[in-house]
Amino acid sequence: MTAKKIRGIEGLAGDQLDLEVDRGAKFVVYWYCWSTIVMTFKEASDIHFIRAGESRVKRGLPYIVLTMALGWWGFPWGPIRSIQSLVIDFQGGEDVTVEVLSRLNRPSEVILRRAIWGDS
């Protein structure tokens, strides 16, 4: 994961962040695709902090719309990468919570729980 801006954690202290993640909050990346006739680009969004109970799909709608409008036009990769992006985004994006927490040096129980038991 390359360095990305994290959207949605503004004003949260470290303890508050840990508490939100323990309640089920996630860090999510959405994928989007755009094409020209000869080239197709599949890119990741900034990281979005999604609190427990928020819709991950709803937050990804701008990337879904972008892909649906601009992703298909390159041949052959436009349709292929558009479908890949849409599948991920309609599933709520790519969960990168463990990676983000480890980079933020947050000693959250979530990291250990997911590393040991694979909980999500």
N, C-alpha and C. Protein backbone atom coordinates (compact mmCIF):
# COMPACT_ATOMS: atom_id res chain seq x y z
N MET A 1 0.86 -1.17 0.00
CA MET A 1 0.00 0.00 0.00
C MET A 1 0.91 1.23 0.00
N THR A 2 0.73 2.08 -0.96
CA THR A 2 1.50 3.31 -1.01
C THR A 2 0.89 4.34 -0.07
N ALA A 3 1.67 5.37 0.24
CA ALA A 3 1.19 6.40 1.15
C ALA A 3 -0.03 7.09 0.56
N LYS A 4 -1.09 7.12 1.33
CA LYS A 4 -2.34 7.73 0.92
C LYS A 4 -2.84 8.60 2.06
N LYS A 5 -3.67 9.57 1.71
CA LYS A 5 -4.34 10.38 2.71
C LYS A 5 -5.44 9.53 3.36
N ILE A 6 -5.61 9.69 4.67
CA ILE A 6 -6.69 9.00 5.37
C ILE A 6 -7.81 9.99 5.60
N ARG A 7 -8.95 9.70 5.04
CA ARG A 7 -10.12 10.58 5.16
C ARG A 7 -11.05 10.06 6.25
N GLY A 8 -11.47 10.96 7.13
CA GLY A 8 -12.46 10.60 8.14
C GLY A 8 -11.94 10.44 9.54
N ILE A 9 -10.64 10.63 9.77
CA ILE A 9 -10.12 10.51 11.14
C ILE A 9 -9.77 11.86 11.75
N GLU A 10 -10.11 12.91 11.04
CA GLU A 10 -9.78 14.24 11.54
C GLU A 10 -10.40 14.44 12.92
N GLY A 11 -9.60 14.89 13.86
CA GLY A 11 -10.08 15.19 15.21
C GLY A 11 -10.15 14.00 16.15
N LEU A 12 -9.80 12.79 15.68
CA LEU A 12 -9.82 11.62 16.55
C LEU A 12 -8.47 11.44 17.22
N ALA A 13 -8.47 11.30 18.53
CA ALA A 13 -7.24 10.98 19.26
C ALA A 13 -6.97 9.48 19.11
N GLY A 14 -5.76 9.07 19.43
CA GLY A 14 -5.38 7.67 19.28
C GLY A 14 -6.28 6.71 20.04
N ASP A 15 -6.65 7.06 21.27
CA ASP A 15 -7.52 6.18 22.05
C ASP A 15 -8.91 6.09 21.43
N GLN A 16 -9.40 7.20 20.90
CA GLN A 16 -10.71 7.20 20.25
C GLN A 16 -10.68 6.34 18.99
N LEU A 17 -9.58 6.42 18.26
CA LEU A 17 -9.42 5.60 17.06
C LEU A 17 -9.45 4.12 17.41
N ASP A 18 -8.70 3.74 18.45
CA ASP A 18 -8.70 2.34 18.88
C ASP A 18 -10.10 1.88 19.27
N LEU A 19 -10.82 2.73 19.99
CA LEU A 19 -12.17 2.39 20.42
C LEU A 19 -13.10 2.19 19.22
N GLU A 20 -13.01 3.09 18.23
CA GLU A 20 -13.84 2.96 17.03
C GLU A 20 -13.53 1.67 16.28
N VAL A 21 -12.25 1.34 16.15
CA VAL A 21 -11.86 0.12 15.44
C VAL A 21 -12.34 -1.10 16.21
N ASP A 22 -12.22 -1.08 17.53
CA ASP A 22 -12.72 -2.20 18.33
C ASP A 22 -14.22 -2.37 18.18
N ARG A 23 -14.94 -1.29 17.92
CA ARG A 23 -16.39 -1.35 17.70
C ARG A 23 -16.75 -1.85 16.30
N GLY A 24 -15.77 -1.91 15.41
CA GLY A 24 -16.04 -2.42 14.07
C GLY A 24 -15.72 -1.46 12.94
N ALA A 25 -15.13 -0.32 13.24
CA ALA A 25 -14.75 0.62 12.17
C ALA A 25 -13.67 -0.01 11.29
N LYS A 26 -13.63 0.42 10.05
CA LYS A 26 -12.67 -0.13 9.08
C LYS A 26 -11.97 1.00 8.33
N PHE A 27 -10.78 0.71 7.87
CA PHE A 27 -10.09 1.56 6.91
C PHE A 27 -10.24 0.86 5.57
N VAL A 28 -10.73 1.59 4.56
CA VAL A 28 -11.10 0.98 3.29
C VAL A 28 -10.52 1.78 2.13
N VAL A 29 -10.09 1.06 1.11
CA VAL A 29 -9.64 1.66 -0.14
C VAL A 29 -10.61 1.21 -1.23
N TYR A 30 -11.00 2.16 -2.07
CA TYR A 30 -11.86 1.84 -3.21
C TYR A 30 -11.01 1.90 -4.48
N TRP A 31 -11.39 1.10 -5.45
CA TRP A 31 -10.69 1.08 -6.73
C TRP A 31 -11.55 1.73 -7.79
N TYR A 32 -10.90 2.40 -8.71
CA TYR A 32 -11.62 2.99 -9.83
C TYR A 32 -10.78 2.84 -11.08
N CYS A 33 -11.46 2.90 -12.20
CA CYS A 33 -10.83 2.67 -13.49
C CYS A 33 -11.29 3.75 -14.46
N TRP A 34 -10.35 4.23 -15.26
CA TRP A 34 -10.71 5.15 -16.34
C TRP A 34 -9.85 4.82 -17.54
N SER A 35 -10.39 5.07 -18.70
CA SER A 35 -9.73 4.64 -19.92
C SER A 35 -9.75 5.72 -20.99
N THR A 36 -8.74 5.64 -21.82
CA THR A 36 -8.77 6.30 -23.12
C THR A 36 -8.90 5.15 -24.11
N ILE A 37 -8.90 5.42 -25.36
CA ILE A 37 -9.09 4.35 -26.33
C ILE A 37 -7.96 3.32 -26.28
N VAL A 38 -6.74 3.77 -26.04
CA VAL A 38 -5.61 2.85 -26.08
C VAL A 38 -5.02 2.52 -24.72
N MET A 39 -5.43 3.22 -23.66
CA MET A 39 -4.86 2.97 -22.34
C MET A 39 -5.95 2.91 -21.28
N THR A 40 -5.72 2.06 -20.29
CA THR A 40 -6.65 1.92 -19.18
C THR A 40 -5.85 2.05 -17.89
N PHE A 41 -6.42 2.77 -16.93
CA PHE A 41 -5.76 3.00 -15.65
C PHE A 41 -6.66 2.51 -14.53
N LYS A 42 -6.12 1.68 -13.65
CA LYS A 42 -6.84 1.22 -12.46
C LYS A 42 -6.08 1.76 -11.26
N GLU A 43 -6.77 2.56 -10.45
CA GLU A 43 -6.10 3.24 -9.35
C GLU A 43 -6.88 3.07 -8.06
N ALA A 44 -6.17 3.25 -6.95
CA ALA A 44 -6.78 3.16 -5.63
C ALA A 44 -7.10 4.56 -5.13
N SER A 45 -8.19 4.65 -4.39
CA SER A 45 -8.58 5.92 -3.77
C SER A 45 -7.70 6.19 -2.55
N ASP A 46 -7.91 7.34 -1.94
CA ASP A 46 -7.36 7.57 -0.62
C ASP A 46 -7.99 6.55 0.32
N ILE A 47 -7.44 6.42 1.50
CA ILE A 47 -8.00 5.52 2.50
C ILE A 47 -9.16 6.22 3.19
N HIS A 48 -10.27 5.52 3.32
CA HIS A 48 -11.46 6.07 3.98
C HIS A 48 -11.67 5.35 5.31
N PHE A 49 -11.90 6.12 6.37
CA PHE A 49 -12.24 5.56 7.67
C PHE A 49 -13.74 5.45 7.75
N ILE A 50 -14.24 4.22 7.86
CA ILE A 50 -15.67 3.95 7.88
C ILE A 50 -16.03 3.47 9.29
N ARG A 51 -16.83 4.24 9.98
CA ARG A 51 -17.24 3.86 11.33
C ARG A 51 -18.21 2.68 11.29
N ALA A 52 -18.28 1.97 12.41
CA ALA A 52 -19.22 0.84 12.53
C ALA A 52 -20.63 1.34 12.25
N GLY A 53 -21.36 0.61 11.45
CA GLY A 53 -22.73 0.98 11.13
C GLY A 53 -22.87 1.82 9.88
N GLU A 54 -21.78 2.42 9.39
CA GLU A 54 -21.83 3.19 8.14
C GLU A 54 -21.77 2.23 6.96
N SER A 55 -22.38 2.63 5.87
CA SER A 55 -22.36 1.81 4.66
C SER A 55 -21.05 2.00 3.91
N ARG A 56 -20.32 0.92 3.76
CA ARG A 56 -19.08 0.99 3.00
C ARG A 56 -19.36 1.15 1.51
N VAL A 57 -20.44 0.55 1.02
CA VAL A 57 -20.78 0.67 -0.40
C VAL A 57 -21.19 2.12 -0.71
N LYS A 58 -22.00 2.71 0.15
CA LYS A 58 -22.43 4.09 -0.07
C LYS A 58 -21.23 5.04 -0.17
N ARG A 59 -20.24 4.85 0.69
CA ARG A 59 -19.05 5.70 0.66
C ARG A 59 -18.28 5.50 -0.65
N GLY A 60 -18.38 4.33 -1.24
CA GLY A 60 -17.66 4.04 -2.48
C GLY A 60 -18.40 4.44 -3.75
N LEU A 61 -19.61 4.97 -3.63
CA LEU A 61 -20.40 5.32 -4.82
C LEU A 61 -19.70 6.25 -5.81
N PRO A 62 -18.97 7.28 -5.37
CA PRO A 62 -18.30 8.13 -6.36
C PRO A 62 -17.32 7.35 -7.24
N TYR A 63 -16.65 6.35 -6.67
CA TYR A 63 -15.70 5.55 -7.44
C TYR A 63 -16.42 4.57 -8.36
N ILE A 64 -17.56 4.07 -7.91
CA ILE A 64 -18.39 3.20 -8.76
C ILE A 64 -18.90 3.98 -9.97
N VAL A 65 -19.41 5.18 -9.73
CA VAL A 65 -19.93 6.02 -10.83
C VAL A 65 -18.81 6.37 -11.80
N LEU A 66 -17.65 6.75 -11.26
CA LEU A 66 -16.50 7.10 -12.12
C LEU A 66 -16.12 5.92 -13.02
N THR A 67 -16.03 4.75 -12.42
CA THR A 67 -15.67 3.56 -13.20
C THR A 67 -16.73 3.24 -14.25
N MET A 68 -17.99 3.32 -13.86
CA MET A 68 -19.06 3.00 -14.81
C MET A 68 -19.09 3.99 -15.98
N ALA A 69 -18.73 5.23 -15.73
CA ALA A 69 -18.76 6.23 -16.80
C ALA A 69 -17.51 6.21 -17.67
N LEU A 70 -16.34 5.99 -17.06
CA LEU A 70 -15.09 6.19 -17.80
C LEU A 70 -14.21 4.95 -17.94
N GLY A 71 -14.60 3.85 -17.33
CA GLY A 71 -13.70 2.71 -17.30
C GLY A 71 -13.71 1.80 -18.50
N TRP A 72 -14.79 1.75 -19.24
CA TRP A 72 -14.99 0.72 -20.25
C TRP A 72 -14.30 0.98 -21.58
N TRP A 73 -13.82 2.18 -21.83
CA TRP A 73 -13.50 2.61 -23.19
C TRP A 73 -12.18 2.11 -23.75
N GLY A 74 -11.30 1.60 -22.93
CA GLY A 74 -10.04 1.05 -23.45
C GLY A 74 -10.19 -0.42 -23.75
N PHE A 75 -9.66 -0.86 -24.88
CA PHE A 75 -9.79 -2.26 -25.24
C PHE A 75 -8.43 -2.93 -25.22
N PRO A 76 -8.29 -4.09 -24.61
CA PRO A 76 -9.26 -4.95 -23.94
C PRO A 76 -9.34 -4.71 -22.43
N TRP A 77 -8.41 -3.94 -21.87
CA TRP A 77 -8.30 -3.84 -20.41
C TRP A 77 -9.40 -3.00 -19.76
N GLY A 78 -10.03 -2.12 -20.48
CA GLY A 78 -11.09 -1.29 -19.89
C GLY A 78 -12.20 -2.10 -19.26
N PRO A 79 -12.83 -2.99 -20.01
CA PRO A 79 -13.88 -3.82 -19.41
C PRO A 79 -13.36 -4.73 -18.29
N ILE A 80 -12.19 -5.30 -18.47
CA ILE A 80 -11.64 -6.23 -17.48
C ILE A 80 -11.38 -5.50 -16.16
N ARG A 81 -10.66 -4.39 -16.23
CA ARG A 81 -10.33 -3.65 -15.00
C ARG A 81 -11.54 -2.94 -14.41
N SER A 82 -12.48 -2.56 -15.24
CA SER A 82 -13.72 -1.96 -14.71
C SER A 82 -14.48 -2.98 -13.87
N ILE A 83 -14.61 -4.19 -14.39
CA ILE A 83 -15.32 -5.23 -13.65
C ILE A 83 -14.58 -5.55 -12.35
N GLN A 84 -13.25 -5.64 -12.40
CA GLN A 84 -12.49 -5.89 -11.18
C GLN A 84 -12.75 -4.80 -10.13
N SER A 85 -12.71 -3.56 -10.54
CA SER A 85 -12.93 -2.44 -9.62
C SER A 85 -14.34 -2.46 -9.06
N LEU A 86 -15.32 -2.69 -9.92
CA LEU A 86 -16.72 -2.69 -9.48
C LEU A 86 -17.02 -3.82 -8.50
N VAL A 87 -16.44 -4.98 -8.73
CA VAL A 87 -16.66 -6.10 -7.81
C VAL A 87 -16.14 -5.74 -6.42
N ILE A 88 -14.95 -5.20 -6.34
CA ILE A 88 -14.37 -4.81 -5.05
C ILE A 88 -15.22 -3.73 -4.39
N ASP A 89 -15.60 -2.71 -5.15
CA ASP A 89 -16.34 -1.58 -4.58
C ASP A 89 -17.75 -1.96 -4.15
N PHE A 90 -18.42 -2.83 -4.90
CA PHE A 90 -19.76 -3.27 -4.51
C PHE A 90 -19.71 -4.21 -3.30
N GLN A 91 -18.54 -4.74 -2.99
CA GLN A 91 -18.36 -5.54 -1.78
C GLN A 91 -17.94 -4.67 -0.59
N GLY A 92 -17.90 -3.37 -0.79
CA GLY A 92 -17.55 -2.46 0.30
C GLY A 92 -16.11 -1.99 0.28
N GLY A 93 -15.43 -2.17 -0.82
CA GLY A 93 -14.04 -1.73 -0.93
C GLY A 93 -13.09 -2.76 -0.36
N GLU A 94 -11.81 -2.43 -0.40
CA GLU A 94 -10.77 -3.32 0.10
C GLU A 94 -10.43 -2.91 1.53
N ASP A 95 -10.60 -3.82 2.47
CA ASP A 95 -10.34 -3.56 3.88
C ASP A 95 -8.82 -3.56 4.11
N VAL A 96 -8.28 -2.41 4.51
CA VAL A 96 -6.84 -2.28 4.78
C VAL A 96 -6.59 -1.88 6.23
N THR A 97 -7.52 -2.25 7.11
CA THR A 97 -7.46 -1.85 8.52
C THR A 97 -6.17 -2.31 9.19
N VAL A 98 -5.82 -3.56 9.05
CA VAL A 98 -4.63 -4.09 9.72
C VAL A 98 -3.38 -3.34 9.26
N GLU A 99 -3.26 -3.12 7.96
CA GLU A 99 -2.09 -2.43 7.43
C GLU A 99 -2.00 -1.00 7.95
N VAL A 100 -3.14 -0.30 7.97
CA VAL A 100 -3.14 1.09 8.43
C VAL A 100 -2.79 1.17 9.90
N LEU A 101 -3.41 0.33 10.72
CA LEU A 101 -3.13 0.36 12.15
C LEU A 101 -1.67 0.03 12.45
N SER A 102 -1.11 -0.90 11.71
CA SER A 102 0.30 -1.24 11.95
C SER A 102 1.21 -0.08 11.55
N ARG A 103 0.86 0.64 10.50
CA ARG A 103 1.66 1.80 10.10
C ARG A 103 1.48 2.99 11.04
N LEU A 104 0.31 3.07 11.67
CA LEU A 104 0.07 4.13 12.64
C LEU A 104 0.62 3.77 14.02
N ASN A 105 1.22 2.56 14.12
CA ASN A 105 1.77 2.07 15.38
C ASN A 105 0.73 2.07 16.49
N ARG A 106 -0.49 1.64 16.14
CA ARG A 106 -1.57 1.55 17.12
C ARG A 106 -1.60 0.12 17.66
N PRO A 107 -1.37 -0.05 18.95
CA PRO A 107 -1.35 -1.41 19.52
C PRO A 107 -2.75 -1.93 19.78
N SER A 108 -3.56 -1.93 18.77
CA SER A 108 -4.96 -2.32 18.91
C SER A 108 -5.09 -3.84 19.01
N GLU A 109 -6.06 -4.27 19.80
CA GLU A 109 -6.38 -5.69 19.89
C GLU A 109 -6.82 -6.22 18.53
N VAL A 110 -7.35 -5.35 17.71
CA VAL A 110 -7.84 -5.78 16.40
C VAL A 110 -6.71 -6.37 15.57
N ILE A 111 -5.54 -5.75 15.61
CA ILE A 111 -4.40 -6.26 14.84
C ILE A 111 -4.08 -7.69 15.28
N LEU A 112 -4.00 -7.89 16.58
CA LEU A 112 -3.67 -9.22 17.08
C LEU A 112 -4.76 -10.23 16.77
N ARG A 113 -6.02 -9.83 16.96
CA ARG A 113 -7.14 -10.74 16.70
C ARG A 113 -7.15 -11.17 15.24
N ARG A 114 -6.95 -10.22 14.34
CA ARG A 114 -6.98 -10.56 12.91
C ARG A 114 -5.77 -11.36 12.50
N ALA A 115 -4.61 -11.04 13.10
CA ALA A 115 -3.39 -11.76 12.74
C ALA A 115 -3.46 -13.21 13.21
N ILE A 116 -4.03 -13.43 14.39
CA ILE A 116 -4.06 -14.77 14.95
C ILE A 116 -5.22 -15.60 14.41
N TRP A 117 -6.43 -15.01 14.42
CA TRP A 117 -7.62 -15.79 14.06
C TRP A 117 -8.21 -15.41 12.71
N GLY A 118 -7.72 -14.38 12.08
CA GLY A 118 -8.26 -13.98 10.80
C GLY A 118 -9.62 -13.34 10.89
N ASP A 119 -10.00 -12.82 12.08
CA ASP A 119 -11.30 -12.15 12.24
C ASP A 119 -11.35 -10.90 11.40
N SER A 120 -12.56 -10.54 10.96
CA SER A 120 -12.71 -9.29 10.21
C SER A 120 -13.64 -8.35 10.85
